[in-house]
PDB file of all heavy atoms in Angstrom:
ATOM      1  N   PRO A   1      71.165  51.313  71.623  1.00  0.00           N
ATOM      2  CA  PRO A   1      70.068  50.354  71.796  1.00  0.00           C
ATOM      3  C   PRO A   1      69.173  50.758  72.955  1.00  0.00           C
ATOM      4  O   PRO A   1      69.649  51.219  73.996  1.00  0.00           O
ATOM      5  CB  PRO A   1      70.796  49.041  72.072  1.00  0.00           C
ATOM      6  CG  PRO A   1      72.146  49.427  72.562  1.00  0.00           C
ATOM      7  CD  PRO A   1      72.487  50.709  71.875  1.00  0.00           C
ATOM      8  N   PHE A   2      67.872  50.597  72.748  1.00  0.00           N
ATOM      9  CA  PHE A   2      66.894  50.996  73.756  1.00  0.00           C
ATOM     10  C   PHE A   2      66.279  49.754  74.383  1.00  0.00           C
ATOM     11  O   PHE A   2      65.580  48.994  73.723  1.00  0.00           O
ATOM     12  CB  PHE A   2      65.797  51.861  73.133  1.00  0.00           C
ATOM     13  CG  PHE A   2      64.712  52.250  74.100  1.00  0.00           C
ATOM     14  CD1 PHE A   2      64.970  53.168  75.107  1.00  0.00           C
ATOM     15  CD2 PHE A   2      63.449  51.684  74.021  1.00  0.00           C
ATOM     16  CE1 PHE A   2      63.977  53.528  76.011  1.00  0.00           C
ATOM     17  CE2 PHE A   2      62.449  52.032  74.913  1.00  0.00           C
ATOM     18  CZ  PHE A   2      62.715  52.960  75.914  1.00  0.00           C
ATOM     19  N   LEU A   3      66.551  49.556  75.672  1.00  0.00           N
ATOM     20  CA  LEU A   3      65.946  48.479  76.435  1.00  0.00           C
ATOM     21  C   LEU A   3      64.610  48.971  76.975  1.00  0.00           C
ATOM     22  O   LEU A   3      64.562  49.821  77.863  1.00  0.00           O
ATOM     23  CB  LEU A   3      66.857  48.063  77.593  1.00  0.00           C
ATOM     24  CG  LEU A   3      66.287  46.990  78.526  1.00  0.00           C
ATOM     25  CD1 LEU A   3      66.130  45.660  77.797  1.00  0.00           C
ATOM     26  CD2 LEU A   3      67.176  46.837  79.761  1.00  0.00           C
ATOM     27  N   LEU A   4      63.518  48.442  76.437  1.00  0.00           N
ATOM     28  CA  LEU A   4      62.184  48.839  76.870  1.00  0.00           C
ATOM     29  C   LEU A   4      61.897  48.138  78.202  1.00  0.00           C
ATOM     30  O   LEU A   4      61.668  46.934  78.236  1.00  0.00           O
ATOM     31  CB  LEU A   4      61.176  48.457  75.790  1.00  0.00           C
ATOM     32  CG  LEU A   4      59.756  49.000  75.906  1.00  0.00           C
ATOM     33  CD1 LEU A   4      59.077  48.983  74.536  1.00  0.00           C
ATOM     34  CD2 LEU A   4      58.918  48.213  76.904  1.00  0.00           C
ATOM     35  N   HIS A   5      61.940  48.905  79.273  1.00  0.00           N
ATOM     36  CA  HIS A   5      61.776  48.369  80.631  1.00  0.00           C
ATOM     37  C   HIS A   5      60.538  49.040  81.212  1.00  0.00           C
ATOM     38  O   HIS A   5      60.602  50.144  81.748  1.00  0.00           O
ATOM     39  CB  HIS A   5      63.035  48.687  81.443  1.00  0.00           C
ATOM     40  CG  HIS A   5      63.052  48.085  82.811  1.00  0.00           C
ATOM     41  ND1 HIS A   5      62.869  46.738  83.059  1.00  0.00           N
ATOM     42  CD2 HIS A   5      63.247  48.659  84.036  1.00  0.00           C
ATOM     43  CE1 HIS A   5      62.960  46.499  84.355  1.00  0.00           C
ATOM     44  NE2 HIS A   5      63.177  47.649  84.963  1.00  0.00           N
ATOM     45  N   GLY A   6      59.377  48.358  81.063  1.00  0.00           N
ATOM     46  CA  GLY A   6      58.123  49.052  81.239  1.00  0.00           C
ATOM     47  C   GLY A   6      57.302  48.649  82.454  1.00  0.00           C
ATOM     48  O   GLY A   6      57.435  47.561  83.013  1.00  0.00           O
ATOM     49  N   ASP A   7      56.411  49.566  82.818  1.00  0.00           N
ATOM     50  CA  ASP A   7      55.382  49.356  83.829  1.00  0.00           C
ATOM     51  C   ASP A   7      54.033  49.634  83.160  1.00  0.00           C
ATOM     52  O   ASP A   7      53.970  50.294  82.123  1.00  0.00           O
ATOM     53  CB  ASP A   7      55.615  50.290  85.019  1.00  0.00           C
ATOM     54  CG  ASP A   7      54.745  49.947  86.214  1.00  0.00           C
ATOM     55  OD1 ASP A   7      54.414  48.760  86.392  1.00  0.00           O
ATOM     56  OD2 ASP A   7      54.391  50.870  86.985  1.00  0.00           O
ATOM     57  N   ALA A   8      52.934  49.143  83.766  1.00  0.00           N
ATOM     58  CA  ALA A   8      51.613  49.216  83.136  1.00  0.00           C
ATOM     59  C   ALA A   8      50.616  49.981  83.999  1.00  0.00           C
ATOM     60  O   ALA A   8      49.678  49.396  84.553  1.00  0.00           O
ATOM     61  CB  ALA A   8      51.099  47.812  82.849  1.00  0.00           C
ATOM     62  N   PRO A   9      50.752  51.298  84.103  1.00  0.00           N
ATOM     63  CA  PRO A   9      49.765  52.101  84.824  1.00  0.00           C
ATOM     64  C   PRO A   9      48.608  52.488  83.900  1.00  0.00           C
ATOM     65  O   PRO A   9      48.401  53.672  83.581  1.00  0.00           O
ATOM     66  CB  PRO A   9      50.582  53.329  85.242  1.00  0.00           C
ATOM     67  CG  PRO A   9      51.529  53.527  84.087  1.00  0.00           C
ATOM     68  CD  PRO A   9      51.865  52.144  83.596  1.00  0.00           C
ATOM     69  N   TRP A  10      47.835  51.519  83.465  1.00  0.00           N
ATOM     70  CA  TRP A  10      46.817  51.740  82.444  1.00  0.00           C
ATOM     71  C   TRP A  10      45.933  52.965  82.735  1.00  0.00           C
ATOM     72  O   TRP A  10      45.595  53.733  81.834  1.00  0.00           O
ATOM     73  CB  TRP A  10      45.934  50.500  82.318  1.00  0.00           C
ATOM     74  CG  TRP A  10      46.524  49.328  81.616  1.00  0.00           C
ATOM     75  CD1 TRP A  10      47.095  48.220  82.193  1.00  0.00           C
ATOM     76  CD2 TRP A  10      46.581  49.096  80.201  1.00  0.00           C
ATOM     77  NE1 TRP A  10      47.504  47.321  81.228  1.00  0.00           N
ATOM     78  CE2 TRP A  10      47.191  47.838  79.996  1.00  0.00           C
ATOM     79  CE3 TRP A  10      46.167  49.824  79.082  1.00  0.00           C
ATOM     80  CZ2 TRP A  10      47.400  47.280  78.730  1.00  0.00           C
ATOM     81  CZ3 TRP A  10      46.370  49.274  77.819  1.00  0.00           C
ATOM     82  CH2 TRP A  10      46.980  48.025  77.654  1.00  0.00           C
ATOM     83  N   SER A  11      45.519  53.151  83.990  1.00  0.00           N
ATOM     84  CA  SER A  11      44.534  54.194  84.317  1.00  0.00           C
ATOM     85  C   SER A  11      45.164  55.494  84.797  1.00  0.00           C
ATOM     86  O   SER A  11      44.497  56.305  85.455  1.00  0.00           O
ATOM     87  CB  SER A  11      43.558  53.655  85.376  1.00  0.00           C
ATOM     88  OG  SER A  11      42.882  52.516  84.898  1.00  0.00           O
ATOM     89  N   LEU A  12      46.421  55.721  84.454  1.00  0.00           N
ATOM     90  CA  LEU A  12      47.142  56.905  84.929  1.00  0.00           C
ATOM     91  C   LEU A  12      46.420  58.199  84.582  1.00  0.00           C
ATOM     92  O   LEU A  12      46.291  59.105  85.413  1.00  0.00           O
ATOM     93  CB  LEU A  12      48.548  56.911  84.307  1.00  0.00           C
ATOM     94  CG  LEU A  12      49.486  58.042  84.715  1.00  0.00           C
ATOM     95  CD1 LEU A  12      49.958  57.848  86.149  1.00  0.00           C
ATOM     96  CD2 LEU A  12      50.688  58.113  83.763  1.00  0.00           C
ATOM     97  N   ILE A  13      45.931  58.325  83.354  1.00  0.00           N
ATOM     98  CA  ILE A  13      45.302  59.575  82.906  1.00  0.00           C
ATOM     99  C   ILE A  13      43.922  59.756  83.525  1.00  0.00           C
ATOM    100  O   ILE A  13      43.558  60.862  83.950  1.00  0.00           O
ATOM    101  CB  ILE A  13      45.227  59.613  81.371  1.00  0.00           C
ATOM    102  CG1 ILE A  13      46.635  59.807  80.792  1.00  0.00           C
ATOM    103  CG2 ILE A  13      44.287  60.711  80.873  1.00  0.00           C
ATOM    104  CD1 ILE A  13      46.718  59.704  79.283  1.00  0.00           C
ATOM    105  N   ALA A  14      43.150  58.674  83.595  1.00  0.00           N
ATOM    106  CA  ALA A  14      41.761  58.806  84.029  1.00  0.00           C
ATOM    107  C   ALA A  14      41.590  58.811  85.538  1.00  0.00           C
ATOM    108  O   ALA A  14      40.661  59.445  86.048  1.00  0.00           O
ATOM    109  CB  ALA A  14      40.923  57.677  83.426  1.00  0.00           C
ATOM    110  N   GLU A  15      42.460  58.119  86.275  1.00  0.00           N
ATOM    111  CA  GLU A  15      42.186  57.864  87.693  1.00  0.00           C
ATOM    112  C   GLU A  15      42.910  58.785  88.657  1.00  0.00           C
ATOM    113  O   GLU A  15      42.394  59.064  89.751  1.00  0.00           O
ATOM    114  CB  GLU A  15      42.536  56.410  88.024  1.00  0.00           C
ATOM    115  CG  GLU A  15      42.313  55.998  89.463  1.00  0.00           C
ATOM    116  CD  GLU A  15      40.850  56.108  89.909  1.00  0.00           C
ATOM    117  OE1 GLU A  15      39.962  56.152  89.031  1.00  0.00           O
ATOM    118  OE2 GLU A  15      40.603  56.159  91.123  1.00  0.00           O
ATOM    119  N   LEU A  16      44.090  59.293  88.316  1.00  0.00           N
ATOM    120  CA  LEU A  16      44.900  60.017  89.294  1.00  0.00           C
ATOM    121  C   LEU A  16      44.755  61.525  89.157  1.00  0.00           C
ATOM    122  O   LEU A  16      44.620  62.053  88.047  1.00  0.00           O
ATOM    123  CB  LEU A  16      46.374  59.643  89.134  1.00  0.00           C
ATOM    124  CG  LEU A  16      46.754  58.182  89.373  1.00  0.00           C
ATOM    125  CD1 LEU A  16      48.267  58.046  89.437  1.00  0.00           C
ATOM    126  CD2 LEU A  16      46.093  57.617  90.623  1.00  0.00           C
ATOM    127  N   ASP A  17      44.825  62.203  90.316  1.00  0.00           N
ATOM    128  CA  ASP A  17      44.946  63.658  90.262  1.00  0.00           C
ATOM    129  C   ASP A  17      46.413  64.006  90.039  1.00  0.00           C
ATOM    130  O   ASP A  17      47.283  63.127  89.957  1.00  0.00           O
ATOM    131  CB  ASP A  17      44.377  64.324  91.516  1.00  0.00           C
ATOM    132  CG  ASP A  17      45.127  63.982  92.805  1.00  0.00           C
ATOM    133  OD1 ASP A  17      46.358  63.746  92.753  1.00  0.00           O
ATOM    134  OD2 ASP A  17      44.489  63.955  93.876  1.00  0.00           O
ATOM    135  N   ARG A  18      46.726  65.280  89.958  1.00  0.00           N
ATOM    136  CA  ARG A  18      48.065  65.664  89.519  1.00  0.00           C
ATOM    137  C   ARG A  18      49.142  65.363  90.557  1.00  0.00           C
ATOM    138  O   ARG A  18      50.258  64.962  90.201  1.00  0.00           O
ATOM    139  CB  ARG A  18      48.058  67.138  89.099  1.00  0.00           C
ATOM    140  CG  ARG A  18      47.169  67.338  87.878  1.00  0.00           C
ATOM    141  CD  ARG A  18      47.198  68.730  87.306  1.00  0.00           C
ATOM    142  NE  ARG A  18      46.423  68.769  86.060  1.00  0.00           N
ATOM    143  CZ  ARG A  18      46.367  69.808  85.251  1.00  0.00           C
ATOM    144  NH1 ARG A  18      47.042  70.921  85.555  1.00  0.00           N
ATOM    145  NH2 ARG A  18      45.633  69.765  84.152  1.00  0.00           N
ATOM    146  N   ASP A  19      48.828  65.540  91.827  1.00  0.00           N
ATOM    147  CA  ASP A  19      49.809  65.171  92.851  1.00  0.00           C
ATOM    148  C   ASP A  19      50.090  63.672  92.821  1.00  0.00           C
ATOM    149  O   ASP A  19      51.240  63.231  92.980  1.00  0.00           O
ATOM    150  CB  ASP A  19      49.315  65.585  94.239  1.00  0.00           C
ATOM    151  CG  ASP A  19      49.363  67.088  94.458  1.00  0.00           C
ATOM    152  OD1 ASP A  19      50.089  67.774  93.710  1.00  0.00           O
ATOM    153  OD2 ASP A  19      48.653  67.574  95.368  1.00  0.00           O
ATOM    154  N   GLU A  20      49.044  62.872  92.605  1.00  0.00           N
ATOM    155  CA  GLU A  20      49.227  61.425  92.546  1.00  0.00           C
ATOM    156  C   GLU A  20      50.029  61.015  91.310  1.00  0.00           C
ATOM    157  O   GLU A  20      50.846  60.085  91.375  1.00  0.00           O
ATOM    158  CB  GLU A  20      47.860  60.736  92.549  1.00  0.00           C
ATOM    159  CG  GLU A  20      47.133  60.852  93.885  1.00  0.00           C
ATOM    160  CD  GLU A  20      45.704  60.359  93.808  1.00  0.00           C
ATOM    161  OE1 GLU A  20      45.066  60.494  92.743  1.00  0.00           O
ATOM    162  OE2 GLU A  20      45.211  59.831  94.829  1.00  0.00           O
ATOM    163  N   VAL A  21      49.804  61.691  90.193  1.00  0.00           N
ATOM    164  CA  VAL A  21      50.610  61.421  89.002  1.00  0.00           C
ATOM    165  C   VAL A  21      52.086  61.632  89.310  1.00  0.00           C
ATOM    166  O   VAL A  21      52.942  60.809  88.973  1.00  0.00           O
ATOM    167  CB  VAL A  21      50.165  62.303  87.821  1.00  0.00           C
ATOM    168  CG1 VAL A  21      51.178  62.230  86.676  1.00  0.00           C
ATOM    169  CG2 VAL A  21      48.786  61.884  87.324  1.00  0.00           C
ATOM    170  N   ASP A  22      52.391  62.737  89.977  1.00  0.00           N
ATOM    171  CA  ASP A  22      53.791  63.020  90.306  1.00  0.00           C
ATOM    172  C   ASP A  22      54.369  61.985  91.267  1.00  0.00           C
ATOM    173  O   ASP A  22      55.539  61.595  91.155  1.00  0.00           O
ATOM    174  CB  ASP A  22      53.914  64.423  90.897  1.00  0.00           C
ATOM    175  CG  ASP A  22      53.849  65.513  89.828  1.00  0.00           C
ATOM    176  OD1 ASP A  22      54.103  65.208  88.649  1.00  0.00           O
ATOM    177  OD2 ASP A  22      53.541  66.671  90.182  1.00  0.00           O
ATOM    178  N   THR A  23      53.566  61.530  92.236  1.00  0.00           N
ATOM    179  CA  THR A  23      54.018  60.484  93.159  1.00  0.00           C
ATOM    180  C   THR A  23      54.368  59.223  92.398  1.00  0.00           C
ATOM    181  O   THR A  23      55.431  58.613  92.625  1.00  0.00           O
ATOM    182  CB  THR A  23      52.927  60.179  94.198  1.00  0.00           C
ATOM    183  OG1 THR A  23      52.712  61.342  95.002  1.00  0.00           O
ATOM    184  CG2 THR A  23      53.328  59.013  95.090  1.00  0.00           C
ATOM    185  N   TYR A  24      53.482  58.808  91.509  1.00  0.00           N
ATOM    186  CA  TYR A  24      53.719  57.593  90.730  1.00  0.00           C
ATOM    187  C   TYR A  24      54.957  57.738  89.851  1.00  0.00           C
ATOM    188  O   TYR A  24      55.827  56.854  89.830  1.00  0.00           O
ATOM    189  CB  TYR A  24      52.495  57.259  89.872  1.00  0.00           C
ATOM    190  CG  TYR A  24      52.815  56.183  88.866  1.00  0.00           C
ATOM    191  CD1 TYR A  24      52.830  54.851  89.236  1.00  0.00           C
ATOM    192  CD2 TYR A  24      53.169  56.511  87.563  1.00  0.00           C
ATOM    193  CE1 TYR A  24      53.191  53.857  88.331  1.00  0.00           C
ATOM    194  CE2 TYR A  24      53.528  55.527  86.651  1.00  0.00           C
ATOM    195  CZ  TYR A  24      53.537  54.212  87.047  1.00  0.00           C
ATOM    196  OH  TYR A  24      53.908  53.248  86.150  1.00  0.00           O
ATOM    197  N   LEU A  25      55.059  58.829  89.102  1.00  0.00           N
ATOM    198  CA  LEU A  25      56.183  59.002  88.169  1.00  0.00           C
ATOM    199  C   LEU A  25      57.516  59.046  88.904  1.00  0.00           C
ATOM    200  O   LEU A  25      58.513  58.482  88.437  1.00  0.00           O
ATOM    201  CB  LEU A  25      55.994  60.267  87.345  1.00  0.00           C
ATOM    202  CG  LEU A  25      54.822  60.283  86.361  1.00  0.00           C
ATOM    203  CD1 LEU A  25      54.770  61.628  85.631  1.00  0.00           C
ATOM    204  CD2 LEU A  25      54.919  59.145  85.356  1.00  0.00           C
ATOM    205  N   ALA A  26      57.558  59.714  90.058  1.00  0.00           N
ATOM    206  CA  ALA A  26      58.809  59.804  90.812  1.00  0.00           C
ATOM    207  C   ALA A  26      59.267  58.419  91.263  1.00  0.00           C
ATOM    208  O   ALA A  26      60.458  58.094  91.194  1.00  0.00           O
ATOM    209  CB  ALA A  26      58.631  60.725  92.016  1.00  0.00           C
ATOM    210  N   ASP A  27      58.316  57.595  91.712  1.00  0.00           N
ATOM    211  CA  ASP A  27      58.689  56.255  92.150  1.00  0.00           C
ATOM    212  C   ASP A  27      59.227  55.432  90.992  1.00  0.00           C
ATOM    213  O   ASP A  27      60.282  54.796  91.113  1.00  0.00           O
ATOM    214  CB  ASP A  27      57.476  55.554  92.763  1.00  0.00           C
ATOM    215  CG  ASP A  27      57.816  54.144  93.227  1.00  0.00           C
ATOM    216  OD1 ASP A  27      57.705  53.202  92.415  1.00  0.00           O
ATOM    217  OD2 ASP A  27      58.207  53.994  94.394  1.00  0.00           O
ATOM    218  N   ARG A  28      58.528  55.415  89.869  1.00  0.00           N
ATOM    219  CA  ARG A  28      58.956  54.578  88.745  1.00  0.00           C
ATOM    220  C   ARG A  28      60.245  55.099  88.120  1.00  0.00           C
ATOM    221  O   ARG A  28      61.059  54.307  87.636  1.00  0.00           O
ATOM    222  CB  ARG A  28      57.843  54.498  87.703  1.00  0.00           C
ATOM    223  CG  ARG A  28      56.793  53.388  87.906  1.00  0.00           C
ATOM    224  CD  ARG A  28      56.896  52.649  89.176  1.00  0.00           C
ATOM    225  NE  ARG A  28      56.130  51.388  89.158  1.00  0.00           N
ATOM    226  CZ  ARG A  28      56.042  50.574  90.178  1.00  0.00           C
ATOM    227  NH1 ARG A  28      56.661  50.883  91.326  1.00  0.00           N
ATOM    228  NH2 ARG A  28      55.369  49.433  90.102  1.00  0.00           N
ATOM    229  N   ARG A  29      60.461  56.382  88.167  1.00  0.00           N
ATOM    230  CA  ARG A  29      61.733  56.918  87.681  1.00  0.00           C
ATOM    231  C   ARG A  29      62.874  56.458  88.584  1.00  0.00           C
ATOM    232  O   ARG A  29      63.939  56.041  88.106  1.00  0.00           O
ATOM    233  CB  ARG A  29      61.663  58.445  87.635  1.00  0.00           C
ATOM    234  CG  ARG A  29      62.920  59.127  87.135  1.00  0.00           C
ATOM    235  CD  ARG A  29      63.226  58.766  85.702  1.00  0.00           C
ATOM    236  NE  ARG A  29      64.338  59.523  85.169  1.00  0.00           N
ATOM    237  CZ  ARG A  29      65.028  59.185  84.095  1.00  0.00           C
ATOM    238  NH1 ARG A  29      64.715  58.093  83.423  1.00  0.00           N
ATOM    239  NH2 ARG A  29      66.026  59.921  83.667  1.00  0.00           N
ATOM    240  N   ASP A  30      62.665  56.508  89.899  1.00  0.00           N
ATOM    241  CA  ASP A  30      63.701  56.072  90.839  1.00  0.00           C
ATOM    242  C   ASP A  30      64.035  54.594  90.666  1.00  0.00           C
ATOM    243  O   ASP A  30      65.168  54.176  90.915  1.00  0.00           O
ATOM    244  CB  ASP A  30      63.264  56.336  92.278  1.00  0.00           C
ATOM    245  CG  ASP A  30      63.291  57.816  92.641  1.00  0.00           C
ATOM    246  OD1 ASP A  30      63.894  58.599  91.880  1.00  0.00           O
ATOM    247  OD2 ASP A  30      62.693  58.173  93.671  1.00  0.00           O
ATOM    248  N   ARG A  31      63.056  53.808  90.232  1.00  0.00           N
ATOM    249  CA  ARG A  31      63.266  52.367  90.060  1.00  0.00           C
ATOM    250  C   ARG A  31      63.760  52.017  88.654  1.00  0.00           C
ATOM    251  O   ARG A  31      63.847  50.844  88.307  1.00  0.00           O
ATOM    252  CB  ARG A  31      61.974  51.605  90.369  1.00  0.00           C
ATOM    253  CG  ARG A  31      61.525  51.725  91.808  1.00  0.00           C
ATOM    254  CD  ARG A  31      60.229  50.955  92.065  1.00  0.00           C
ATOM    255  NE  ARG A  31      59.661  51.330  93.353  1.00  0.00           N
ATOM    256  CZ  ARG A  31      59.998  50.777  94.512  1.00  0.00           C
ATOM    257  NH1 ARG A  31      60.897  49.802  94.535  1.00  0.00           N
ATOM    258  NH2 ARG A  31      59.447  51.182  95.642  1.00  0.00           N
TER     259      ARG A  31
END
């Protein structure tokens, strides 16, 4: 069973540069 436990970074593709994408993903993965 897959528990969908989500966050809503709507503007991830348009707004962040690549270092910022990695910062965001690392935090949400840790959480």
